[in-house]
Amino acid sequence: MLVFTRKKDESLIIGSDIEVTILGIGSGNVKVGITAPRHISVHRHEVYEAIKRENLAASQSKVPKTDLFKNLMK
């Protein structure tokens, strides 16, 4: 892990197209702004983990055979 020290209104660059800016520093929290291209997803860690869990669950779900659907539609 690379660790940076930044003050309010200072930023850092990731690659050539992602900028992370410190917008504010409060008691117990830091407000961060991220500028990134639209094709790059930016999520809080807990949201990212929830998305991963949902994707895993969806990929492991059993899809009924088409015969079953045909019989149900009759």
PDB file of N, CA and C in Angstrom:
ATOM      1  N   MET A   1       0.851  -1.173   0.000  1.00  0.00           N
ATOM      2  CA  MET A   1       0.000   0.000   0.000  1.00  0.00           C
ATOM      3  C   MET A   1       0.894   1.233   0.000  1.00  0.00           C
ATOM      4  N   LEU A   2       0.552   2.159  -0.863  1.00  0.00           N
ATOM      5  CA  LEU A   2       1.261   3.430  -0.920  1.00  0.00           C
ATOM      6  C   LEU A   2       0.471   4.438  -0.087  1.00  0.00           C
ATOM      7  N   VAL A   3       1.114   5.128   0.813  1.00  0.00           N
ATOM      8  CA  VAL A   3       0.437   6.066   1.719  1.00  0.00           C
ATOM      9  C   VAL A   3       0.869   7.487   1.377  1.00  0.00           C
ATOM     10  N   PHE A   4      -0.118   8.384   1.247  1.00  0.00           N
ATOM     11  CA  PHE A   4       0.130   9.782   0.948  1.00  0.00           C
ATOM     12  C   PHE A   4      -0.344  10.649   2.099  1.00  0.00           C
ATOM     13  N   THR A   5       0.300  11.774   2.289  1.00  0.00           N
ATOM     14  CA  THR A   5      -0.200  12.812   3.186  1.00  0.00           C
ATOM     15  C   THR A   5      -0.633  13.978   2.302  1.00  0.00           C
ATOM     16  N   ARG A   6      -1.875  14.394   2.421  1.00  0.00           N
ATOM     17  CA  ARG A   6      -2.418  15.477   1.617  1.00  0.00           C
ATOM     18  C   ARG A   6      -3.160  16.440   2.522  1.00  0.00           C
ATOM     19  N   LYS A   7      -3.194  17.689   2.144  1.00  0.00           N
ATOM     20  CA  LYS A   7      -3.968  18.706   2.853  1.00  0.00           C
ATOM     21  C   LYS A   7      -5.204  19.025   2.024  1.00  0.00           C
ATOM     22  N   LYS A   8      -6.109  19.784   2.619  1.00  0.00           N
ATOM     23  CA  LYS A   8      -7.327  20.177   1.919  1.00  0.00           C
ATOM     24  C   LYS A   8      -6.962  20.865   0.601  1.00  0.00           C
ATOM     25  N   ASP A   9      -7.701  20.537  -0.436  1.00  0.00           N
ATOM     26  CA  ASP A   9      -7.532  21.062  -1.796  1.00  0.00           C
ATOM     27  C   ASP A   9      -6.296  20.539  -2.521  1.00  0.00           C
ATOM     28  N   GLU A  10      -5.580  19.603  -1.923  1.00  0.00           N
ATOM     29  CA  GLU A  10      -4.469  18.959  -2.627  1.00  0.00           C
ATOM     30  C   GLU A  10      -4.994  17.669  -3.250  1.00  0.00           C
ATOM     31  N   SER A  11      -4.306  17.200  -4.280  1.00  0.00           N
ATOM     32  CA  SER A  11      -4.772  16.000  -4.962  1.00  0.00           C
ATOM     33  C   SER A  11      -3.610  15.089  -5.310  1.00  0.00           C
ATOM     34  N   LEU A  12      -3.966  13.927  -5.826  1.00  0.00           N
ATOM     35  CA  LEU A  12      -2.979  13.003  -6.363  1.00  0.00           C
ATOM     36  C   LEU A  12      -3.564  12.417  -7.634  1.00  0.00           C
ATOM     37  N   ILE A  13      -2.701  11.944  -8.507  1.00  0.00           N
ATOM     38  CA  ILE A  13      -3.104  11.426  -9.804  1.00  0.00           C
ATOM     39  C   ILE A  13      -2.796   9.937  -9.854  1.00  0.00           C
ATOM     40  N   ILE A  14      -3.761   9.158 -10.336  1.00  0.00           N
ATOM     41  CA  ILE A  14      -3.577   7.715 -10.534  1.00  0.00           C
ATOM     42  C   ILE A  14      -3.605   7.478 -12.038  1.00  0.00           C
ATOM     43  N   GLY A  15      -2.535   6.900 -12.550  1.00  0.00           N
ATOM     44  CA  GLY A  15      -2.430   6.747 -14.000  1.00  0.00           C
ATOM     45  C   GLY A  15      -2.361   8.119 -14.622  1.00  0.00           C
ATOM     46  N   SER A  16      -3.025   8.274 -15.754  1.00  0.00           N
ATOM     47  CA  SER A  16      -3.017   9.592 -16.393  1.00  0.00           C
ATOM     48  C   SER A  16      -4.402  10.231 -16.403  1.00  0.00           C
ATOM     49  N   ASP A  17      -5.412   9.498 -15.877  1.00  0.00           N
ATOM     50  CA  ASP A  17      -6.755  10.030 -16.018  1.00  0.00           C
ATOM     51  C   ASP A  17      -7.640   9.946 -14.767  1.00  0.00           C
ATOM     52  N   ILE A  18      -7.061   9.658 -13.630  1.00  0.00           N
ATOM     53  CA  ILE A  18      -7.835   9.633 -12.382  1.00  0.00           C
ATOM     54  C   ILE A  18      -7.202  10.607 -11.404  1.00  0.00           C
ATOM     55  N   GLU A  19      -8.018  11.530 -10.888  1.00  0.00           N
ATOM     56  CA  GLU A  19      -7.536  12.507  -9.911  1.00  0.00           C
ATOM     57  C   GLU A  19      -8.349  12.372  -8.628  1.00  0.00           C
ATOM     58  N   VAL A  20      -7.647  12.276  -7.524  1.00  0.00           N
ATOM     59  CA  VAL A  20      -8.278  12.191  -6.205  1.00  0.00           C
ATOM     60  C   VAL A  20      -7.925  13.475  -5.458  1.00  0.00           C
ATOM     61  N   THR A  21      -8.957  14.220  -5.034  1.00  0.00           N
ATOM     62  CA  THR A  21      -8.762  15.503  -4.372  1.00  0.00           C
ATOM     63  C   THR A  21      -9.349  15.465  -2.971  1.00  0.00           C
ATOM     64  N   ILE A  22      -8.622  16.008  -2.001  1.00  0.00           N
ATOM     65  CA  ILE A  22      -9.127  16.135  -0.638  1.00  0.00           C
ATOM     66  C   ILE A  22      -9.976  17.403  -0.595  1.00  0.00           C
ATOM     67  N   LEU A  23     -11.273  17.224  -0.367  1.00  0.00           N
ATOM     68  CA  LEU A  23     -12.192  18.360  -0.377  1.00  0.00           C
ATOM     69  C   LEU A  23     -12.401  18.954   1.006  1.00  0.00           C
ATOM     70  N   GLY A  24     -12.286  18.125   2.015  1.00  0.00           N
ATOM     71  CA  GLY A  24     -12.484  18.614   3.378  1.00  0.00           C
ATOM     72  C   GLY A  24     -12.000  17.608   4.394  1.00  0.00           C
ATOM     73  N   ILE A  25     -11.621  18.121   5.553  1.00  0.00           N
ATOM     74  CA  ILE A  25     -11.151  17.266   6.644  1.00  0.00           C
ATOM     75  C   ILE A  25     -11.936  17.668   7.879  1.00  0.00           C
ATOM     76  N   GLY A  26     -12.661  16.701   8.449  1.00  0.00           N
ATOM     77  CA  GLY A  26     -13.458  16.972   9.639  1.00  0.00           C
ATOM     78  C   GLY A  26     -12.985  16.115  10.791  1.00  0.00           C
ATOM     79  N   SER A  27     -13.760  16.134  11.856  1.00  0.00           N
ATOM     80  CA  SER A  27     -13.395  15.294  12.994  1.00  0.00           C
ATOM     81  C   SER A  27     -13.807  13.862  12.689  1.00  0.00           C
ATOM     82  N   GLY A  28     -12.840  13.027  12.430  1.00  0.00           N
ATOM     83  CA  GLY A  28     -13.104  11.619  12.181  1.00  0.00           C
ATOM     84  C   GLY A  28     -13.446  11.267  10.744  1.00  0.00           C
ATOM     85  N   ASN A  29     -13.406  12.228   9.821  1.00  0.00           N
ATOM     86  CA  ASN A  29     -13.674  11.877   8.429  1.00  0.00           C
ATOM     87  C   ASN A  29     -12.929  12.789   7.466  1.00  0.00           C
ATOM     88  N   VAL A  30     -12.840  12.317   6.244  1.00  0.00           N
ATOM     89  CA  VAL A  30     -12.198  13.071   5.168  1.00  0.00           C
ATOM     90  C   VAL A  30     -13.141  13.041   3.978  1.00  0.00           C
ATOM     91  N   LYS A  31     -13.382  14.168   3.366  1.00  0.00           N
ATOM     92  CA  LYS A  31     -14.235  14.243   2.176  1.00  0.00           C
ATOM     93  C   LYS A  31     -13.315  14.210   0.967  1.00  0.00           C
ATOM     94  N   VAL A  32     -13.540  13.218   0.100  1.00  0.00           N
ATOM     95  CA  VAL A  32     -12.669  12.972  -1.044  1.00  0.00           C
ATOM     96  C   VAL A  32     -13.476  13.121  -2.326  1.00  0.00           C
ATOM     97  N   GLY A  33     -12.916  13.799  -3.314  1.00  0.00           N
ATOM     98  CA  GLY A  33     -13.519  13.895  -4.639  1.00  0.00           C
ATOM     99  C   GLY A  33     -12.681  13.113  -5.627  1.00  0.00           C
ATOM    100  N   ILE A  34     -13.348  12.380  -6.513  1.00  0.00           N
ATOM    101  CA  ILE A  34     -12.631  11.564  -7.494  1.00  0.00           C
ATOM    102  C   ILE A  34     -13.116  11.936  -8.884  1.00  0.00           C
ATOM    103  N   THR A  35     -12.175  12.288  -9.749  1.00  0.00           N
ATOM    104  CA  THR A  35     -12.475  12.552 -11.151  1.00  0.00           C
ATOM    105  C   THR A  35     -11.894  11.397 -11.950  1.00  0.00           C
ATOM    106  N   ALA A  36     -12.779  10.676 -12.652  1.00  0.00           N
ATOM    107  CA  ALA A  36     -12.343   9.515 -13.429  1.00  0.00           C
ATOM    108  C   ALA A  36     -13.216   9.411 -14.679  1.00  0.00           C
ATOM    109  N   PRO A  37     -12.702   8.765 -15.714  1.00  0.00           N
ATOM    110  CA  PRO A  37     -13.513   8.548 -16.909  1.00  0.00           C
ATOM    111  C   PRO A  37     -14.763   7.730 -16.569  1.00  0.00           C
ATOM    112  N   ARG A  38     -15.814   7.920 -17.346  1.00  0.00           N
ATOM    113  CA  ARG A  38     -17.088   7.237 -17.078  1.00  0.00           C
ATOM    114  C   ARG A  38     -16.974   5.718 -17.109  1.00  0.00           C
ATOM    115  N   HIS A  39     -16.043   5.174 -17.894  1.00  0.00           N
ATOM    116  CA  HIS A  39     -15.939   3.718 -17.999  1.00  0.00           C
ATOM    117  C   HIS A  39     -15.263   3.081 -16.785  1.00  0.00           C
ATOM    118  N   ILE A  40     -14.780   3.889 -15.850  1.00  0.00           N
ATOM    119  CA  ILE A  40     -14.155   3.369 -14.635  1.00  0.00           C
ATOM    120  C   ILE A  40     -15.152   3.485 -13.490  1.00  0.00           C
ATOM    121  N   SER A  41     -15.472   2.347 -12.866  1.00  0.00           N
ATOM    122  CA  SER A  41     -16.408   2.337 -11.738  1.00  0.00           C
ATOM    123  C   SER A  41     -15.692   2.802 -10.483  1.00  0.00           C
ATOM    124  N   VAL A  42     -16.365   3.648  -9.719  1.00  0.00           N
ATOM    125  CA  VAL A  42     -15.827   4.122  -8.446  1.00  0.00           C
ATOM    126  C   VAL A  42     -16.897   3.857  -7.385  1.00  0.00           C
ATOM    127  N   HIS A  43     -16.577   3.031  -6.396  1.00  0.00           N
ATOM    128  CA  HIS A  43     -17.532   2.672  -5.345  1.00  0.00           C
ATOM    129  C   HIS A  43     -16.853   2.737  -3.984  1.00  0.00           C
ATOM    130  N   ARG A  44     -17.658   2.983  -2.954  1.00  0.00           N
ATOM    131  CA  ARG A  44     -17.143   2.784  -1.596  1.00  0.00           C
ATOM    132  C   ARG A  44     -16.886   1.288  -1.428  1.00  0.00           C
ATOM    133  N   HIS A  45     -15.954   0.930  -0.570  1.00  0.00           N
ATOM    134  CA  HIS A  45     -15.566  -0.472  -0.406  1.00  0.00           C
ATOM    135  C   HIS A  45     -16.767  -1.353  -0.070  1.00  0.00           C
ATOM    136  N   GLU A  46     -17.617  -0.923   0.860  1.00  0.00           N
ATOM    137  CA  GLU A  46     -18.747  -1.765   1.264  1.00  0.00           C
ATOM    138  C   GLU A  46     -19.754  -1.963   0.130  1.00  0.00           C
ATOM    139  N   VAL A  47     -19.910  -0.982  -0.732  1.00  0.00           N
ATOM    140  CA  VAL A  47     -20.795  -1.122  -1.889  1.00  0.00           C
ATOM    141  C   VAL A  47     -20.179  -2.093  -2.895  1.00  0.00           C
ATOM    142  N   TYR A  48     -18.879  -1.970  -3.118  1.00  0.00           N
ATOM    143  CA  TYR A  48     -18.169  -2.870  -4.024  1.00  0.00           C
ATOM    144  C   TYR A  48     -18.301  -4.318  -3.563  1.00  0.00           C
ATOM    145  N   GLU A  49     -18.134  -4.564  -2.258  1.00  0.00           N
ATOM    146  CA  GLU A  49     -18.254  -5.922  -1.719  1.00  0.00           C
ATOM    147  C   GLU A  49     -19.677  -6.455  -1.899  1.00  0.00           C
ATOM    148  N   ALA A  50     -20.689  -5.603  -1.703  1.00  0.00           N
ATOM    149  CA  ALA A  50     -22.079  -6.025  -1.896  1.00  0.00           C
ATOM    150  C   ALA A  50     -22.331  -6.388  -3.361  1.00  0.00           C
ATOM    151  N   ILE A  51     -21.793  -5.617  -4.281  1.00  0.00           N
ATOM    152  CA  ILE A  51     -21.935  -5.909  -5.709  1.00  0.00           C
ATOM    153  C   ILE A  51     -21.288  -7.254  -6.035  1.00  0.00           C
ATOM    154  N   LYS A  52     -20.091  -7.492  -5.498  1.00  0.00           N
ATOM    155  CA  LYS A  52     -19.408  -8.768  -5.725  1.00  0.00           C
ATOM    156  C   LYS A  52     -20.244  -9.938  -5.218  1.00  0.00           C
ATOM    157  N   ARG A  53     -20.821  -9.793  -4.001  1.00  0.00           N
ATOM    158  CA  ARG A  53     -21.654 -10.870  -3.440  1.00  0.00           C
ATOM    159  C   ARG A  53     -22.873 -11.133  -4.319  1.00  0.00           C
ATOM    160  N   GLU A  54     -23.538 -10.071  -4.774  1.00  0.00           N
ATOM    161  CA  GLU A  54     -24.717 -10.232  -5.623  1.00  0.00           C
ATOM    162  C   GLU A  54     -24.354 -10.890  -6.955  1.00  0.00           C
ATOM    163  N   ASN A  55     -23.236 -10.478  -7.537  1.00  0.00           N
ATOM    164  CA  ASN A  55     -22.804 -11.080  -8.803  1.00  0.00           C
ATOM    165  C   ASN A  55     -22.474 -12.556  -8.627  1.00  0.00           C
ATOM    166  N   LEU A  56     -21.834 -12.902  -7.532  1.00  0.00           N
ATOM    167  CA  LEU A  56     -21.504 -14.298  -7.261  1.00  0.00           C
ATOM    168  C   LEU A  56     -22.784 -15.115  -7.082  1.00  0.00           C
ATOM    169  N   ALA A  57     -23.730 -14.590  -6.311  1.00  0.00           N
ATOM    170  CA  ALA A  57     -24.995 -15.295  -6.097  1.00  0.00           C
ATOM    171  C   ALA A  57     -25.740 -15.484  -7.416  1.00  0.00           C
ATOM    172  N   ALA A  58     -25.749 -14.457  -8.261  1.00  0.00           N
ATOM    173  CA  ALA A  58     -26.438 -14.561  -9.547  1.00  0.00           C
ATOM    174  C   ALA A  58     -25.768 -15.585 -10.460  1.00  0.00           C
ATOM    175  N   SER A  59     -24.457 -15.648 -10.405  1.00  0.00           N
ATOM    176  CA  SER A  59     -23.741 -16.590 -11.274  1.00  0.00           C
ATOM    177  C   SER A  59     -23.920 -18.029 -10.819  1.00  0.00           C
ATOM    178  N   GLN A  60     -24.276 -18.235  -9.564  1.00  0.00           N
ATOM    179  CA  GLN A  60     -24.437 -19.590  -9.041  1.00  0.00           C
ATOM    180  C   GLN A  60     -25.891 -20.038  -8.992  1.00  0.00           C
ATOM    181  N   SER A  61     -26.817 -19.169  -9.393  1.00  0.00           N
ATOM    182  CA  SER A  61     -28.229 -19.544  -9.344  1.00  0.00           C
ATOM    183  C   SER A  61     -28.524 -20.580 -10.425  1.00  0.00           C
ATOM    184  N   LYS A  62     -29.442 -21.449 -10.117  1.00  0.00           N
ATOM    185  CA  LYS A  62     -29.821 -22.505 -11.059  1.00  0.00           C
ATOM    186  C   LYS A  62     -30.907 -21.973 -11.992  1.00  0.00           C
ATOM    187  N   VAL A  63     -30.692 -22.126 -13.279  1.00  0.00           N
ATOM    188  CA  VAL A  63     -31.677 -21.705 -14.260  1.00  0.00           C
ATOM    189  C   VAL A  63     -32.454 -22.959 -14.678  1.00  0.00           C
ATOM    190  N   PRO A  64     -33.778 -22.943 -14.512  1.00  0.00           N
ATOM    191  CA  PRO A  64     -34.567 -24.123 -14.905  1.00  0.00           C
ATOM    192  C   PRO A  64     -34.420 -24.417 -16.397  1.00  0.00           C
ATOM    193  N   LYS A  65     -34.588 -25.673 -16.732  1.00  0.00           N
ATOM    194  CA  LYS A  65     -34.504 -26.078 -18.140  1.00  0.00           C
ATOM    195  C   LYS A  65     -35.663 -25.473 -18.923  1.00  0.00           C
ATOM    196  N   THR A  66     -35.462 -25.259 -20.223  1.00  0.00           N
ATOM    197  CA  THR A  66     -36.497 -24.651 -21.054  1.00  0.00           C
ATOM    198  C   THR A  66     -37.755 -25.505 -21.109  1.00  0.00           C
ATOM    199  N   ASP A  67     -37.614 -26.823 -20.970  1.00  0.00           N
ATOM    200  CA  ASP A  67     -38.795 -27.701 -20.972  1.00  0.00           C
ATOM    201  C   ASP A  67     -39.739 -27.298 -19.847  1.00  0.00           C
ATOM    202  N   LEU A  68     -39.176 -26.995 -18.708  1.00  0.00           N
ATOM    203  CA  LEU A  68     -39.989 -26.595 -17.559  1.00  0.00           C
ATOM    204  C   LEU A  68     -40.769 -25.332 -17.882  1.00  0.00           C
ATOM    205  N   PHE A  69     -40.135 -24.360 -18.489  1.00  0.00           N
ATOM    206  CA  PHE A  69     -40.802 -23.121 -18.867  1.00  0.00           C
ATOM    207  C   PHE A  69     -41.932 -23.389 -19.855  1.00  0.00           C
ATOM    208  N   LYS A  70     -41.661 -24.233 -20.823  1.00  0.00           N
ATOM    209  CA  LYS A  70     -42.674 -24.557 -21.842  1.00  0.00           C
ATOM    210  C   LYS A  70     -43.899 -25.191 -21.180  1.00  0.00           C
ATOM    211  N   ASN A  71     -43.651 -26.102 -20.242  1.00  0.00           N
ATOM    212  CA  ASN A  71     -44.764 -26.763 -19.554  1.00  0.00           C
ATOM    213  C   ASN A  71     -45.532 -25.774 -18.678  1.00  0.00           C
ATOM    214  N   LEU A  72     -44.833 -24.854 -18.057  1.00  0.00           N
ATOM    215  CA  LEU A  72     -45.501 -23.867 -17.207  1.00  0.00           C
ATOM    216  C   LEU A  72     -46.348 -22.904 -18.030  1.00  0.00           C
ATOM    217  N   MET A  73     -45.936 -22.637 -19.257  1.00  0.00           N
ATOM    218  CA  MET A  73     -46.638 -21.688 -20.102  1.00  0.00           C
ATOM    219  C   MET A  73     -47.918 -22.264 -20.692  1.00  0.00           C
ATOM    220  N   LYS A  74     -48.084 -23.583 -20.633  1.00  0.00           N
ATOM    221  CA  LYS A  74     -49.284 -24.218 -21.203  1.00  0.00           C
ATOM    222  C   LYS A  74     -50.500 -23.973 -20.361  1.00  0.00           C
TER     223      LYS A  74
END
